[in-house]
């Protein structure tokens, strides 16, 4: 079973940037889809960004133009570049991989806190 480890979160001022990483325990070369999600206190987990195996990306309206999902197959790592951060981006961020017949378990997530 694939294991995911998210990292890169932290405390940043509004307008700042962070790059999150999601390291997988197996090759991500043939992954059907990869995604980043976030969960703020008292709220449901929501989809932030996805990338298909062909490289097509989709973003939540709230992050379009500010966040970028990418991958490095050689490092088995998925990234989320977050620019122009806002206090409402504060949440725990999780990644997920979807293979041909499986979905990865959630990792521990990485906390992002944006101060105003």
C-alpha atoms as a PDB file:
ATOM      1  CA  UNK A   1       0.000   0.000   0.000  1.00  0.00           C
ATOM      2  CA  UNK A   2       1.366   3.385  -0.923  1.00  0.00           C
ATOM      3  CA  UNK A   3       2.333   5.727   1.875  1.00  0.00           C
ATOM      4  CA  UNK A   4       2.311   9.496   1.540  1.00  0.00           C
ATOM      5  CA  UNK A   5       4.249  12.047   3.550  1.00  0.00           C
ATOM      6  CA  UNK A   6       3.292  15.695   3.223  1.00  0.00           C
ATOM      7  CA  UNK A   7       5.681  18.456   4.217  1.00  0.00           C
ATOM      8  CA  UNK A   8       6.470  22.110   3.625  1.00  0.00           C
ATOM      9  CA  UNK A   9       3.767  23.758   5.662  1.00  0.00           C
ATOM     10  CA  UNK A  10       4.364  26.519   8.148  1.00  0.00           C
ATOM     11  CA  UNK A  11       3.438  29.983   9.309  1.00  0.00           C
ATOM     12  CA  UNK A  12       3.523  32.710   6.681  1.00  0.00           C
ATOM     13  CA  UNK A  13       2.206  36.234   6.387  1.00  0.00           C
ATOM     14  CA  UNK A  14      -0.547  37.088   3.972  1.00  0.00           C
ATOM     15  CA  UNK A  15       0.876  37.567   0.506  1.00  0.00           C
ATOM     16  CA  UNK A  16       3.662  35.096   1.124  1.00  0.00           C
ATOM     17  CA  UNK A  17       4.433  31.764  -0.528  1.00  0.00           C
ATOM     18  CA  UNK A  18       4.950  28.158   0.451  1.00  0.00           C
ATOM     19  CA  UNK A  19       5.702  25.005  -1.493  1.00  0.00           C
ATOM     20  CA  UNK A  20       4.195  21.793  -0.202  1.00  0.00           C
ATOM     21  CA  UNK A  21       5.636  18.391  -1.025  1.00  0.00           C
ATOM     22  CA  UNK A  22       3.999  14.983  -1.047  1.00  0.00           C
ATOM     23  CA  UNK A  23       6.482  12.137  -1.135  1.00  0.00           C
ATOM     24  CA  UNK A  24       5.113   8.750  -2.183  1.00  0.00           C
ATOM     25  CA  UNK A  25       6.548   5.378  -1.232  1.00  0.00           C
ATOM     26  CA  UNK A  26       6.158   4.104  -4.775  1.00  0.00           C
ATOM     27  CA  UNK A  27       6.483   5.323  -8.322  1.00  0.00           C
ATOM     28  CA  UNK A  28       3.964   7.955  -9.362  1.00  0.00           C
ATOM     29  CA  UNK A  29       4.715   7.548 -13.056  1.00  0.00           C
ATOM     30  CA  UNK A  30       1.521   5.616 -13.833  1.00  0.00           C
ATOM     31  CA  UNK A  31      -0.760   7.317 -11.340  1.00  0.00           C
ATOM     32  CA  UNK A  32      -4.148   8.151 -12.833  1.00  0.00           C
ATOM     33  CA  UNK A  33      -4.689  11.251 -10.777  1.00  0.00           C
ATOM     34  CA  UNK A  34      -3.054  13.140  -7.967  1.00  0.00           C
ATOM     35  CA  UNK A  35      -4.614  15.807  -5.834  1.00  0.00           C
ATOM     36  CA  UNK A  36      -4.209  18.210  -2.975  1.00  0.00           C
ATOM     37  CA  UNK A  37      -6.970  18.739  -0.439  1.00  0.00           C
ATOM     38  CA  UNK A  38      -7.286  20.914   2.632  1.00  0.00           C
ATOM     39  CA  UNK A  39      -9.325  20.956   5.799  1.00  0.00           C
ATOM     40  CA  UNK A  40      -9.803  24.055   7.891  1.00  0.00           C
ATOM     41  CA  UNK A  41     -10.976  23.841  11.520  1.00  0.00           C
ATOM     42  CA  UNK A  42     -14.671  23.072  11.696  1.00  0.00           C
ATOM     43  CA  UNK A  43     -14.962  22.581   7.948  1.00  0.00           C
ATOM     44  CA  UNK A  44     -15.113  19.634   5.610  1.00  0.00           C
ATOM     45  CA  UNK A  45     -12.101  18.569   3.598  1.00  0.00           C
ATOM     46  CA  UNK A  46     -12.155  20.240   0.210  1.00  0.00           C
ATOM     47  CA  UNK A  47     -10.410  19.667  -3.081  1.00  0.00           C
ATOM     48  CA  UNK A  48      -7.763  22.251  -3.918  1.00  0.00           C
ATOM     49  CA  UNK A  49      -6.017  21.007  -7.055  1.00  0.00           C
ATOM     50  CA  UNK A  50      -5.710  17.909  -9.217  1.00  0.00           C
ATOM     51  CA  UNK A  51      -3.478  16.675 -11.994  1.00  0.00           C
ATOM     52  CA  UNK A  52      -4.307  13.816 -14.333  1.00  0.00           C
ATOM     53  CA  UNK A  53      -1.851  11.319 -15.728  1.00  0.00           C
ATOM     54  CA  UNK A  54      -1.775  13.367 -18.915  1.00  0.00           C
ATOM     55  CA  UNK A  55      -0.906  16.540 -17.061  1.00  0.00           C
ATOM     56  CA  UNK A  56      -4.318  18.213 -17.109  1.00  0.00           C
ATOM     57  CA  UNK A  57      -4.784  20.348 -14.031  1.00  0.00           C
ATOM     58  CA  UNK A  58      -7.856  21.648 -12.253  1.00  0.00           C
ATOM     59  CA  UNK A  59      -8.125  24.066  -9.373  1.00  0.00           C
ATOM     60  CA  UNK A  60     -10.724  25.208  -6.918  1.00  0.00           C
ATOM     61  CA  UNK A  61     -11.980  28.664  -7.837  1.00  0.00           C
ATOM     62  CA  UNK A  62     -10.615  30.026  -4.582  1.00  0.00           C
ATOM     63  CA  UNK A  63      -7.015  29.194  -5.525  1.00  0.00           C
ATOM     64  CA  UNK A  64      -6.976  29.642  -9.293  1.00  0.00           C
ATOM     65  CA  UNK A  65      -4.110  31.817 -10.408  1.00  0.00           C
ATOM     66  CA  UNK A  66      -2.363  31.469  -7.050  1.00  0.00           C
ATOM     67  CA  UNK A  67      -1.659  27.735  -6.608  1.00  0.00           C
ATOM     68  CA  UNK A  68       0.122  25.364  -8.976  1.00  0.00           C
ATOM     69  CA  UNK A  69       0.225  21.577  -8.747  1.00  0.00           C
ATOM     70  CA  UNK A  70       3.187  19.767 -10.265  1.00  0.00           C
ATOM     71  CA  UNK A  71       4.993  16.454 -10.113  1.00  0.00           C
ATOM     72  CA  UNK A  72       8.517  15.055 -10.241  1.00  0.00           C
ATOM     73  CA  UNK A  73       8.334  11.432 -11.325  1.00  0.00           C
ATOM     74  CA  UNK A  74      12.021  10.856 -10.606  1.00  0.00           C
ATOM     75  CA  UNK A  75      11.493  11.828  -6.974  1.00  0.00           C
ATOM     76  CA  UNK A  76       8.020  10.258  -6.631  1.00  0.00           C
ATOM     77  CA  UNK A  77       6.870  13.617  -5.339  1.00  0.00           C
ATOM     78  CA  UNK A  78       3.899  15.878  -5.971  1.00  0.00           C
ATOM     79  CA  UNK A  79       4.130  19.579  -5.195  1.00  0.00           C
ATOM     80  CA  UNK A  80       1.758  22.420  -4.506  1.00  0.00           C
ATOM     81  CA  UNK A  81       3.209  25.865  -5.024  1.00  0.00           C
ATOM     82  CA  UNK A  82       1.119  28.392  -3.147  1.00  0.00           C
ATOM     83  CA  UNK A  83       1.568  32.092  -3.848  1.00  0.00           C
ATOM     84  CA  UNK A  84      -0.272  35.192  -2.667  1.00  0.00           C
ATOM     85  CA  UNK A  85      -1.471  33.311   0.378  1.00  0.00           C
ATOM     86  CA  UNK A  86      -4.527  34.558   2.236  1.00  0.00           C
ATOM     87  CA  UNK A  87      -5.679  33.945   5.829  1.00  0.00           C
ATOM     88  CA  UNK A  88      -8.529  31.835   4.430  1.00  0.00           C
ATOM     89  CA  UNK A  89      -5.940  29.410   3.030  1.00  0.00           C
ATOM     90  CA  UNK A  90      -5.161  28.366   6.590  1.00  0.00           C
ATOM     91  CA  UNK A  91      -5.789  24.622   6.849  1.00  0.00           C
ATOM     92  CA  UNK A  92      -4.174  21.228   7.051  1.00  0.00           C
ATOM     93  CA  UNK A  93      -3.194  20.180   3.536  1.00  0.00           C
ATOM     94  CA  UNK A  94      -3.290  16.574   2.352  1.00  0.00           C
ATOM     95  CA  UNK A  95      -2.385  14.858  -0.881  1.00  0.00           C
ATOM     96  CA  UNK A  96      -3.987  11.830  -2.485  1.00  0.00           C
ATOM     97  CA  UNK A  97      -3.009   9.520  -5.315  1.00  0.00           C
ATOM     98  CA  UNK A  98      -5.399   7.452  -7.380  1.00  0.00           C
ATOM     99  CA  UNK A  99      -4.128   4.437  -9.284  1.00  0.00           C
ATOM    100  CA  UNK A 100      -5.892   2.135 -11.702  1.00  0.00           C
ATOM    101  CA  UNK A 101      -7.608   0.207  -8.929  1.00  0.00           C
ATOM    102  CA  UNK A 102      -6.697   1.895  -5.671  1.00  0.00           C
ATOM    103  CA  UNK A 103      -6.794   5.150  -3.737  1.00  0.00           C
ATOM    104  CA  UNK A 104      -4.008   6.078  -1.371  1.00  0.00           C
ATOM    105  CA  UNK A 105      -4.724   6.423   2.330  1.00  0.00           C
ATOM    106  CA  UNK A 106      -4.513   9.919   3.746  1.00  0.00           C
ATOM    107  CA  UNK A 107      -1.171  11.017   5.100  1.00  0.00           C
ATOM    108  CA  UNK A 108      -0.703  13.048   8.251  1.00  0.00           C
ATOM    109  CA  UNK A 109      -1.072  16.312   6.371  1.00  0.00           C
ATOM    110  CA  UNK A 110       0.913  19.503   6.743  1.00  0.00           C
ATOM    111  CA  UNK A 111      -0.347  22.590   8.553  1.00  0.00           C
ATOM    112  CA  UNK A 112      -0.441  25.894   6.701  1.00  0.00           C
ATOM    113  CA  UNK A 113      -1.173  29.001   8.735  1.00  0.00           C
ATOM    114  CA  UNK A 114      -1.475  32.394   7.068  1.00  0.00           C
ATOM    115  CA  UNK A 115      -1.466  35.420   9.337  1.00  0.00           C
ATOM    116  CA  UNK A 116      -3.111  38.694   8.366  1.00  0.00           C
END
